PDB file of N, CA and C in Angstrom:
ATOM      1  N   MET A   1       0.972  -1.224  -0.257  1.00  0.00           N
ATOM      2  CA  MET A   1      -0.134   0.080   0.033  1.00  0.00           C
ATOM      3  C   MET A   1       0.745   1.531   0.063  1.00  0.00           C
ATOM      4  N   ALA A   2       0.253   2.236  -0.815  1.00  0.00           N
ATOM      5  CA  ALA A   2       1.012   2.895  -0.700  1.00  0.00           C
ATOM      6  C   ALA A   2       0.476   4.516  -0.034  1.00  0.00           C
ATOM      7  N   MET A   3       1.939   4.803   0.336  1.00  0.00           N
ATOM      8  CA  MET A   3       1.645   5.885   1.586  1.00  0.00           C
ATOM      9  C   MET A   3       1.381   7.586   0.840  1.00  0.00           C
ATOM     10  N   PRO A   4       0.198   8.212   1.167  1.00  0.00           N
ATOM     11  CA  PRO A   4      -0.118   9.376   1.196  1.00  0.00           C
ATOM     12  C   PRO A   4       1.771  10.356   1.690  1.00  0.00           C
ATOM     13  N   GLY A   5       2.002  11.188   0.187  1.00  0.00           N
ATOM     14  CA  GLY A   5       3.037  12.159  -0.312  1.00  0.00           C
ATOM     15  C   GLY A   5       4.745  10.800   0.080  1.00  0.00           C
ATOM     16  N   ARG A   6       3.925  10.133  -0.488  1.00  0.00           N
ATOM     17  CA  ARG A   6       5.129   9.339  -0.632  1.00  0.00           C
ATOM     18  C   ARG A   6       5.133   8.851  -2.297  1.00  0.00           C
ATOM     19  N   LEU A   7       6.595   8.717  -3.366  1.00  0.00           N
ATOM     20  CA  LEU A   7       6.632   8.687  -4.619  1.00  0.00           C
ATOM     21  C   LEU A   7       7.241   7.526  -4.959  1.00  0.00           C
ATOM     22  N   THR A   8       6.287   6.685  -5.407  1.00  0.00           N
ATOM     23  CA  THR A   8       5.981   4.659  -5.767  1.00  0.00           C
ATOM     24  C   THR A   8       7.396   5.177  -6.801  1.00  0.00           C
ATOM     25  N   PRO A   9       8.632   4.036  -6.742  1.00  0.00           N
ATOM     26  CA  PRO A   9       8.997   4.746  -8.355  1.00  0.00           C
ATOM     27  C   PRO A   9       9.007   4.227  -9.357  1.00  0.00           C
ATOM     28  N   PRO A  10       8.907   4.046 -10.424  1.00  0.00           N
ATOM     29  CA  PRO A  10       8.626   3.629 -11.557  1.00  0.00           C
ATOM     30  C   PRO A  10       9.317   2.137 -11.223  1.00  0.00           C
ATOM     31  N   PRO A  11       8.319   1.280 -12.305  1.00  0.00           N
ATOM     32  CA  PRO A  11       9.430  -0.664 -11.900  1.00  0.00           C
ATOM     33  C   PRO A  11      10.836  -0.199 -12.714  1.00  0.00           C
ATOM     34  N   LEU A  12      11.408  -1.246 -12.652  1.00  0.00           N
ATOM     35  CA  LEU A  12      12.841  -1.302 -13.290  1.00  0.00           C
ATOM     36  C   LEU A  12      11.377  -2.519 -14.827  1.00  0.00           C
ATOM     37  N   ASN A  13      12.865  -1.509 -16.203  1.00  0.00           N
ATOM     38  CA  ASN A  13      12.313  -2.661 -17.265  1.00  0.00           C
ATOM     39  C   ASN A  13      13.722  -3.136 -18.008  1.00  0.00           C
ATOM     40  N   GLY A  14      13.584  -3.527 -18.734  1.00  0.00           N
ATOM     41  CA  GLY A  14      14.635  -3.552 -19.728  1.00  0.00           C
ATOM     42  C   GLY A  14      15.900  -2.658 -19.593  1.00  0.00           C
ATOM     43  N   ALA A  15      15.986  -1.755 -19.773  1.00  0.00           N
ATOM     44  CA  ALA A  15      17.016  -0.583 -19.406  1.00  0.00           C
ATOM     45  C   ALA A  15      18.277  -0.125 -18.330  1.00  0.00           C
ATOM     46  N   ASP A  16      17.317  -0.967 -17.951  1.00  0.00           N
ATOM     47  CA  ASP A  16      17.495  -0.543 -15.919  1.00  0.00           C
ATOM     48  C   ASP A  16      18.748  -1.407 -16.123  1.00  0.00           C
ATOM     49  N   ARG A  17      19.995  -1.395 -15.419  1.00  0.00           N
ATOM     50  CA  ARG A  17      21.389  -2.434 -14.861  1.00  0.00           C
ATOM     51  C   ARG A  17      21.850  -2.611 -13.846  1.00  0.00           C
ATOM     52  N   CYS A  18      22.508  -4.260 -13.503  1.00  0.00           N
ATOM     53  CA  CYS A  18      22.228  -4.091 -12.127  1.00  0.00           C
ATOM     54  C   CYS A  18      24.429  -3.284 -11.871  1.00  0.00           C
ATOM     55  N   ASP A  19      24.082  -2.971 -11.022  1.00  0.00           N
ATOM     56  CA  ASP A  19      25.146  -1.944 -10.279  1.00  0.00           C
ATOM     57  C   ASP A  19      26.263  -2.976 -10.463  1.00  0.00           C
ATOM     58  N   ARG A  20      26.592  -3.346  -9.805  1.00  0.00           N
ATOM     59  CA  ARG A  20      27.864  -4.668 -10.398  1.00  0.00           C
ATOM     60  C   ARG A  20      28.283  -5.950 -11.682  1.00  0.00           C
ATOM     61  N   CYS A  21      27.035  -5.403 -12.665  1.00  0.00           N
ATOM     62  CA  CYS A  21      27.699  -6.246 -13.689  1.00  0.00           C
ATOM     63  C   CYS A  21      27.016  -5.330 -15.125  1.00  0.00           C
ATOM     64  N   PRO A  22      26.818  -6.045 -15.600  1.00  0.00           N
ATOM     65  CA  PRO A  22      26.201  -5.208 -17.551  1.00  0.00           C
ATOM     66  C   PRO A  22      25.054  -6.013 -17.493  1.00  0.00           C
ATOM     67  N   VAL A  23      24.279  -7.043 -16.434  1.00  0.00           N
ATOM     68  CA  VAL A  23      22.794  -8.022 -16.730  1.00  0.00           C
ATOM     69  C   VAL A  23      21.932  -6.560 -15.739  1.00  0.00           C
ATOM     70  N   ALA A  24      20.744  -6.901 -16.744  1.00  0.00           N
ATOM     71  CA  ALA A  24      19.599  -6.692 -16.573  1.00  0.00           C
ATOM     72  C   ALA A  24      18.461  -6.857 -15.128  1.00  0.00           C
ATOM     73  N   ALA A  25      18.849  -5.342 -14.490  1.00  0.00           N
ATOM     74  CA  ALA A  25      18.298  -5.090 -13.095  1.00  0.00           C
ATOM     75  C   ALA A  25      17.155  -5.365 -12.782  1.00  0.00           C
ATOM     76  N   ARG A  26      17.183  -6.435 -11.929  1.00  0.00           N
ATOM     77  CA  ARG A  26      15.793  -7.194 -11.239  1.00  0.00           C
ATOM     78  C   ARG A  26      15.198  -6.870  -9.898  1.00  0.00           C
ATOM     79  N   VAL A  27      16.941  -6.320  -9.471  1.00  0.00           N
ATOM     80  CA  VAL A  27      16.075  -5.894  -7.725  1.00  0.00           C
ATOM     81  C   VAL A  27      16.349  -5.356  -7.186  1.00  0.00           C
ATOM     82  N   ARG A  28      15.326  -3.439  -6.868  1.00  0.00           N
ATOM     83  CA  ARG A  28      15.498  -2.310  -7.100  1.00  0.00           C
ATOM     84  C   ARG A  28      15.975  -2.364  -4.564  1.00  0.00           C
ATOM     85  N   ALA A  29      17.384  -2.176  -4.424  1.00  0.00           N
ATOM     86  CA  ALA A  29      17.561  -2.192  -3.447  1.00  0.00           C
ATOM     87  C   ALA A  29      17.345  -0.221  -2.963  1.00  0.00           C
ATOM     88  N   VAL A  30      16.710  -0.138  -2.381  1.00  0.00           N
ATOM     89  CA  VAL A  30      16.395   1.447  -1.724  1.00  0.00           C
ATOM     90  C   VAL A  30      17.072   1.581   0.187  1.00  0.00           C
ATOM     91  N   LEU A  31      17.580   2.624  -0.196  1.00  0.00           N
ATOM     92  CA  LEU A  31      18.640   2.743   1.277  1.00  0.00           C
ATOM     93  C   LEU A  31      18.441   4.030   1.627  1.00  0.00           C
ATOM     94  N   PRO A  32      18.966   4.412   2.846  1.00  0.00           N
ATOM     95  CA  PRO A  32      18.337   6.088   2.904  1.00  0.00           C
ATOM     96  C   PRO A  32      19.872   7.074   2.178  1.00  0.00           C
ATOM     97  N   ALA A  33      20.543   7.170   2.302  1.00  0.00           N
ATOM     98  CA  ALA A  33      21.864   7.608   0.877  1.00  0.00           C
ATOM     99  C   ALA A  33      20.743   7.578  -0.588  1.00  0.00           C
ATOM    100  N   GLY A  34      20.714   6.170  -1.172  1.00  0.00           N
ATOM    101  CA  GLY A  34      19.361   6.407  -1.976  1.00  0.00           C
ATOM    102  C   GLY A  34      19.468   4.747  -2.856  1.00  0.00           C
ATOM    103  N   GLU A  35      19.931   4.987  -3.884  1.00  0.00           N
ATOM    104  CA  GLU A  35      19.636   3.775  -5.114  1.00  0.00           C
ATOM    105  C   GLU A  35      19.991   2.381  -5.510  1.00  0.00           C
ATOM    106  N   LEU A  36      20.072   1.131  -5.050  1.00  0.00           N
ATOM    107  CA  LEU A  36      20.573   0.723  -5.973  1.00  0.00           C
ATOM    108  C   LEU A  36      20.140  -0.280  -7.138  1.00  0.00           C
ATOM    109  N   ARG A  37      21.311  -0.852  -7.250  1.00  0.00           N
ATOM    110  CA  ARG A  37      19.237  -1.815  -8.584  1.00  0.00           C
ATOM    111  C   ARG A  37      20.342  -3.145  -9.168  1.00  0.00           C
ATOM    112  N   PHE A  38      20.599  -4.386  -8.805  1.00  0.00           N
ATOM    113  CA  PHE A  38      20.826  -5.660  -8.630  1.00  0.00           C
ATOM    114  C   PHE A  38      20.522  -6.455  -9.907  1.00  0.00           C
ATOM    115  N   CYS A  39      21.175  -7.322 -10.640  1.00  0.00           N
ATOM    116  CA  CYS A  39      21.156  -8.533 -11.503  1.00  0.00           C
ATOM    117  C   CYS A  39      20.251 -10.049  -9.437  1.00  0.00           C
ATOM    118  N   TRP A  40      20.181 -11.309 -10.064  1.00  0.00           N
ATOM    119  CA  TRP A  40      19.519 -11.503  -9.606  1.00  0.00           C
ATOM    120  C   TRP A  40      20.546 -12.452  -8.646  1.00  0.00           C
ATOM    121  N   HIS A  41      21.918 -12.512  -9.741  1.00  0.00           N
ATOM    122  CA  HIS A  41      22.316 -12.784  -8.578  1.00  0.00           C
ATOM    123  C   HIS A  41      23.511 -11.617  -7.295  1.00  0.00           C
ATOM    124  N   HIS A  42      23.770 -10.615  -7.658  1.00  0.00           N
ATOM    125  CA  HIS A  42      24.926  -9.866  -7.276  1.00  0.00           C
ATOM    126  C   HIS A  42      22.770  -9.483  -5.873  1.00  0.00           C
ATOM    127  N   ALA A  43      21.818  -9.142  -5.891  1.00  0.00           N
ATOM    128  CA  ALA A  43      20.957  -9.500  -4.548  1.00  0.00           C
ATOM    129  C   ALA A  43      21.241 -10.812  -3.888  1.00  0.00           C
ATOM    130  N   ARG A  44      21.330 -11.490  -4.912  1.00  0.00           N
ATOM    131  CA  ARG A  44      20.586 -12.666  -3.958  1.00  0.00           C
ATOM    132  C   ARG A  44      22.722 -12.515  -2.899  1.00  0.00           C
ATOM    133  N   GLU A  45      23.248 -12.446  -2.898  1.00  0.00           N
ATOM    134  CA  GLU A  45      25.179 -12.460  -3.436  1.00  0.00           C
ATOM    135  C   GLU A  45      25.182 -11.547  -1.582  1.00  0.00           C
ATOM    136  N   HIS A  46      23.831 -10.064  -2.075  1.00  0.00           N
ATOM    137  CA  HIS A  46      24.229  -9.456  -0.718  1.00  0.00           C
ATOM    138  C   HIS A  46      23.715  -9.168  -0.133  1.00  0.00           C
ATOM    139  N   ARG A  47      22.360  -9.618  -0.127  1.00  0.00           N
ATOM    140  CA  ARG A  47      21.074  -9.753   0.565  1.00  0.00           C
ATOM    141  C   ARG A  47      21.507  -9.036   1.943  1.00  0.00           C
ATOM    142  N   HIS A  48      21.557  -9.896   2.892  1.00  0.00           N
ATOM    143  CA  HIS A  48      21.970  -9.840   4.269  1.00  0.00           C
ATOM    144  C   HIS A  48      22.576  -8.868   4.667  1.00  0.00           C
ATOM    145  N   ARG A  49      23.607  -7.851   4.071  1.00  0.00           N
ATOM    146  CA  ARG A  49      24.139  -6.709   3.871  1.00  0.00           C
ATOM    147  C   ARG A  49      23.575  -5.456   3.625  1.00  0.00           C
ATOM    148  N   LEU A  50      22.875  -5.602   2.585  1.00  0.00           N
ATOM    149  CA  LEU A  50      21.580  -4.349   2.515  1.00  0.00           C
ATOM    150  C   LEU A  50      20.978  -5.006   3.940  1.00  0.00           C
ATOM    151  N   ILE A  51      20.087  -5.524   3.889  1.00  0.00           N
ATOM    152  CA  ILE A  51      18.878  -5.844   4.791  1.00  0.00           C
ATOM    153  C   ILE A  51      19.807  -5.543   6.366  1.00  0.00           C
ATOM    154  N   ALA A  52      21.026  -5.659   6.638  1.00  0.00           N
ATOM    155  CA  ALA A  52      21.764  -5.383   7.155  1.00  0.00           C
ATOM    156  C   ALA A  52      21.895  -3.179   7.755  1.00  0.00           C
ATOM    157  N   ALA A  53      21.688  -2.787   6.221  1.00  0.00           N
ATOM    158  CA  ALA A  53      22.351  -1.434   6.324  1.00  0.00           C
ATOM    159  C   ALA A  53      20.938  -1.016   6.774  1.00  0.00           C
ATOM    160  N   GLY A  54      19.442  -1.683   6.394  1.00  0.00           N
ATOM    161  CA  GLY A  54      18.144  -0.655   5.956  1.00  0.00           C
ATOM    162  C   GLY A  54      18.121  -0.629   5.201  1.00  0.00           C
ATOM    163  N   ALA A  55      17.909  -1.311   4.203  1.00  0.00           N
ATOM    164  CA  ALA A  55      17.926  -1.419   2.428  1.00  0.00           C
ATOM    165  C   ALA A  55      16.504  -1.875   2.998  1.00  0.00           C
ATOM    166  N   VAL A  56      15.647  -2.164   1.532  1.00  0.00           N
ATOM    167  CA  VAL A  56      13.936  -2.115   1.114  1.00  0.00           C
ATOM    168  C   VAL A  56      14.523  -2.420   0.310  1.00  0.00           C
ATOM    169  N   LEU A  57      13.781  -3.915   0.140  1.00  0.00           N
ATOM    170  CA  LEU A  57      14.885  -4.273  -1.244  1.00  0.00           C
ATOM    171  C   LEU A  57      13.128  -5.126  -2.091  1.00  0.00           C
ATOM    172  N   SER A  58      13.005  -4.322  -2.774  1.00  0.00           N
ATOM    173  CA  SER A  58      12.324  -4.770  -4.040  1.00  0.00           C
ATOM    174  C   SER A  58      12.160  -5.443  -5.436  1.00  0.00           C
ATOM    175  N   TRP A  59      11.481  -6.982  -5.954  1.00  0.00           N
ATOM    176  CA  TRP A  59      11.699  -7.179  -6.685  1.00  0.00           C
ATOM    177  C   TRP A  59      10.441  -6.776  -8.572  1.00  0.00           C
ATOM    178  N   ASN A  60      11.431  -7.297  -8.887  1.00  0.00           N
ATOM    179  CA  ASN A  60      10.273  -8.138 -10.548  1.00  0.00           C
ATOM    180  C   ASN A  60      10.987  -9.048 -11.511  1.00  0.00           C
ATOM    181  N   PRO A  61       9.836  -9.779 -11.118  1.00  0.00           N
ATOM    182  CA  PRO A  61      10.746 -11.279 -11.191  1.00  0.00           C
ATOM    183  C   PRO A  61      10.525 -11.401 -12.811  1.00  0.00           C
ATOM    184  N   PRO A  62      11.772 -12.153 -13.431  1.00  0.00           N
ATOM    185  CA  PRO A  62      12.366 -11.953 -14.256  1.00  0.00           C
ATOM    186  C   PRO A  62      10.724 -12.702 -16.078  1.00  0.00           C
ATOM    187  N   THR A  63      11.313 -13.086 -17.105  1.00  0.00           N
ATOM    188  CA  THR A  63      10.800 -12.466 -17.874  1.00  0.00           C
ATOM    189  C   THR A  63      10.471 -14.671 -18.102  1.00  0.00           C
ATOM    190  N   PRO A  64       8.915 -14.562 -17.608  1.00  0.00           N
ATOM    191  CA  PRO A  64      10.069 -16.692 -17.787  1.00  0.00           C
ATOM    192  C   PRO A  64      10.247 -17.403 -18.992  1.00  0.00           C
ATOM    193  N   LEU A  65      11.290 -17.375 -19.912  1.00  0.00           N
ATOM    194  CA  LEU A  65      11.870 -18.355 -21.126  1.00  0.00           C
ATOM    195  C   LEU A  65      11.272 -19.119 -21.224  1.00  0.00           C
ATOM    196  N   ARG A  66      11.174 -20.285 -19.383  1.00  0.00           N
ATOM    197  CA  ARG A  66      11.124 -22.102 -20.083  1.00  0.00           C
ATOM    198  C   ARG A  66       9.570 -22.308 -19.283  1.00  0.00           C
ATOM    199  N   THR A  67       8.640 -22.769 -19.542  1.00  0.00           N
ATOM    200  CA  THR A  67       7.336 -23.422 -19.790  1.00  0.00           C
ATOM    201  C   THR A  67       6.820 -24.265 -18.338  1.00  0.00           C
ATOM    202  N   ARG A  68       8.595 -24.666 -17.621  1.00  0.00           N
ATOM    203  CA  ARG A  68       8.335 -25.344 -16.722  1.00  0.00           C
ATOM    204  C   ARG A  68       9.164 -24.865 -15.596  1.00  0.00           C
ATOM    205  N   PRO A  69       9.320 -24.966 -14.431  1.00  0.00           N
ATOM    206  CA  PRO A  69       9.704 -25.346 -13.607  1.00  0.00           C
ATOM    207  C   PRO A  69      11.214 -25.284 -13.552  1.00  0.00           C
ATOM    208  N   HIS A  70      11.977 -24.119 -13.135  1.00  0.00           N
ATOM    209  CA  HIS A  70      13.455 -24.957 -13.495  1.00  0.00           C
ATOM    210  C   HIS A  70      13.947 -25.559 -12.304  1.00  0.00           C
ATOM    211  N   PRO A  71      14.523 -27.504 -13.055  1.00  0.00           N
ATOM    212  CA  PRO A  71      15.470 -28.333 -12.191  1.00  0.00           C
ATOM    213  C   PRO A  71      15.405 -27.934 -10.356  1.00  0.00           C
ATOM    214  N   LEU A  72      16.593 -26.778 -10.349  1.00  0.00           N
ATOM    215  CA  LEU A  72      17.728 -26.392  -9.097  1.00  0.00           C
ATOM    216  C   LEU A  72      16.839 -25.317  -8.352  1.00  0.00           C
ATOM    217  N   ARG A  73      16.466 -25.268  -8.986  1.00  0.00           N
ATOM    218  CA  ARG A  73      15.203 -23.659  -8.130  1.00  0.00           C
ATOM    219  C   ARG A  73      14.218 -24.263  -7.870  1.00  0.00           C
ATOM    220  N   ARG A  74      14.257 -23.947  -5.859  1.00  0.00           N
ATOM    221  CA  ARG A  74      13.554 -24.188  -4.608  1.00  0.00           C
ATOM    222  C   ARG A  74      12.611 -23.279  -3.873  1.00  0.00           C
ATOM    223  N   GLY A  75      11.973 -22.816  -3.545  1.00  0.00           N
ATOM    224  CA  GLY A  75      10.989 -22.050  -3.149  1.00  0.00           C
ATOM    225  C   GLY A  75      10.921 -21.181  -3.830  1.00  0.00           C
ATOM    226  N   PRO A  76       9.344 -20.020  -3.225  1.00  0.00           N
ATOM    227  CA  PRO A  76       9.231 -19.778  -3.627  1.00  0.00           C
ATOM    228  C   PRO A  76       9.535 -18.175  -4.146  1.00  0.00           C
ATOM    229  N   HIS A  77      10.232 -18.104  -3.639  1.00  0.00           N
ATOM    230  CA  HIS A  77      11.519 -16.759  -3.896  1.00  0.00           C
ATOM    231  C   HIS A  77      12.582 -16.542  -3.354  1.00  0.00           C
ATOM    232  N   PRO A  78      13.529 -15.389  -4.402  1.00  0.00           N
ATOM    233  CA  PRO A  78      14.958 -16.139  -4.241  1.00  0.00           C
ATOM    234  C   PRO A  78      15.340 -15.380  -3.496  1.00  0.00           C
ATOM    235  N   PHE A  79      15.077 -14.760  -2.828  1.00  0.00           N
ATOM    236  CA  PHE A  79      15.124 -13.876  -0.728  1.00  0.00           C
ATOM    237  C   PHE A  79      14.818 -15.255  -0.096  1.00  0.00           C
ATOM    238  N   ALA A  80      14.284 -16.976  -0.184  1.00  0.00           N
ATOM    239  CA  ALA A  80      13.530 -17.266   1.136  1.00  0.00           C
ATOM    240  C   ALA A  80      15.047 -17.921   1.671  1.00  0.00           C
TER     241      ALA A  80
END
């Protein structure tokens, strides 16, 4: 739910890039000092430090390329 007086950032799109590599950004980390964008790999790698620093994480699901679930992916969410 959006709070009155707060702007909701637009969803990430294909033009948004990870701040650590050239891959498309899927996760937004909003910190008191600003915003960072990460691919799934780097978001998972840094998630504990980001949360400890007070970041609010939001994500866009990747565009599905498969019709069946990936055999190695488990859990309902990549941060689970």
